[in-house]
C-alpha atoms as a PDB file:
ATOM      1  CA  MET A   1     215.316 -33.632 119.773  1.00  0.00           C
ATOM      2  CA  ARG A   2     214.947 -32.020 116.757  1.00  0.00           C
ATOM      3  CA  VAL A   3     210.862 -32.618 117.255  1.00  0.00           C
ATOM      4  CA  ALA A   4     210.828 -30.861 120.482  1.00  0.00           C
ATOM      5  CA  SER A   5     212.152 -27.477 118.790  1.00  0.00           C
ATOM      6  CA  ALA A   6     209.957 -28.099 115.815  1.00  0.00           C
ATOM      7  CA  VAL A   7     206.739 -27.908 117.746  1.00  0.00           C
ATOM      8  CA  GLU A   8     207.969 -24.873 120.442  1.00  0.00           C
ATOM      9  CA  ASP A   9     208.266 -23.333 117.381  1.00  0.00           C
ATOM     10  CA  ARG A  10     204.965 -24.150 115.794  1.00  0.00           C
ATOM     11  CA  GLU A  11     203.456 -23.105 118.963  1.00  0.00           C
ATOM     12  CA  TYR A  12     205.168 -19.475 119.323  1.00  0.00           C
ATOM     13  CA  ARG A  13     205.570 -18.784 115.617  1.00  0.00           C
ATOM     14  CA  PRO A  14     201.833 -17.136 115.785  1.00  0.00           C
ATOM     15  CA  PHE A  15     202.678 -14.384 118.420  1.00  0.00           C
ATOM     16  CA  ALA A  16     205.542 -12.706 115.609  1.00  0.00           C
ATOM     17  CA  TYR A  17     202.527 -11.895 113.415  1.00  0.00           C
ATOM     18  CA  ILE A  18     200.379 -10.293 117.149  1.00  0.00           C
ATOM     19  CA  ARG A  19     201.902  -6.255 117.108  1.00  0.00           C
ATOM     20  CA  ASP A  20     199.908  -5.228 119.283  1.00  0.00           C
ATOM     21  CA  ASN A  21     201.566  -3.987 122.999  1.00  0.00           C
ATOM     22  CA  TYR A  22     199.055  -6.501 124.905  1.00  0.00           C
ATOM     23  CA  PRO A  23     200.120  -9.166 127.301  1.00  0.00           C
ATOM     24  CA  GLN A  24     201.071 -12.930 125.148  1.00  0.00           C
ATOM     25  CA  TYR A  25     200.515 -15.752 127.381  1.00  0.00           C
ATOM     26  CA  LEU A  26     200.609 -19.944 125.802  1.00  0.00           C
ATOM     27  CA  PHE A  27     199.225 -22.070 128.048  1.00  0.00           C
ATOM     28  CA  THR A  28     200.249 -25.812 127.682  1.00  0.00           C
ATOM     29  CA  LEU A  29     200.265 -29.081 130.271  1.00  0.00           C
ATOM     30  CA  ASP A  30     203.981 -28.367 130.067  1.00  0.00           C
ATOM     31  CA  PRO A  31     205.798 -28.914 133.601  1.00  0.00           C
ATOM     32  CA  LEU A  32     208.929 -27.083 131.774  1.00  0.00           C
ATOM     33  CA  LEU A  33     208.242 -23.538 131.623  1.00  0.00           C
ATOM     34  CA  GLN A  34     209.902 -20.685 130.051  1.00  0.00           C
ATOM     35  CA  ARG A  35     210.149 -17.578 128.123  1.00  0.00           C
ATOM     36  CA  ARG A  36     210.455 -16.911 124.513  1.00  0.00           C
ATOM     37  CA  ASP A  37     210.032 -13.531 122.435  1.00  0.00           C
ATOM     38  CA  GLY A  38     208.248 -12.003 125.246  1.00  0.00           C
ATOM     39  CA  VAL A  39     205.323 -14.744 125.134  1.00  0.00           C
ATOM     40  CA  ARG A  40     205.191 -16.221 129.104  1.00  0.00           C
ATOM     41  CA  HIS A  41     204.516 -20.025 128.827  1.00  0.00           C
ATOM     42  CA  LEU A  42     202.214 -20.981 131.491  1.00  0.00           C
ATOM     43  CA  ASN A  43     201.069 -24.584 132.506  1.00  0.00           C
ATOM     44  CA  LEU A  44     197.445 -24.704 132.315  1.00  0.00           C
ATOM     45  CA  ALA A  45     196.392 -27.211 134.884  1.00  0.00           C
ATOM     46  CA  ASP A  46     198.497 -24.739 137.408  1.00  0.00           C
ATOM     47  CA  PHE A  47     196.724 -21.748 136.274  1.00  0.00           C
ATOM     48  CA  MET A  48     193.177 -23.514 136.703  1.00  0.00           C
ATOM     49  CA  ALA A  49     194.355 -24.562 140.229  1.00  0.00           C
ATOM     50  CA  ASP A  50     195.932 -21.349 140.947  1.00  0.00           C
ATOM     51  CA  GLY A  51     192.344 -19.810 140.913  1.00  0.00           C
ATOM     52  CA  GLY A  52     193.363 -18.250 137.286  1.00  0.00           C
ATOM     53  CA  GLU A  53     194.841 -14.652 137.736  1.00  0.00           C
ATOM     54  CA  LEU A  54     197.017 -13.559 135.165  1.00  0.00           C
ATOM     55  CA  LEU A  55     197.618 -10.685 137.433  1.00  0.00           C
ATOM     56  CA  ALA A  56     199.624 -12.053 140.195  1.00  0.00           C
ATOM     57  CA  PRO A  57     201.855  -9.698 142.731  1.00  0.00           C
END
């Protein structure tokens, strides 16, 4: 389980260096989605199947 935590930290770490107010998205193929430190985690396959719209109502 520690390996998964290290991978997760590696994926989210670069967002900590971005200091703007734009929405931040992490696209992966993982079915387990989450939000961490304001970064939305989205499944890429679902995103593309739904038309690729980030500003859905």
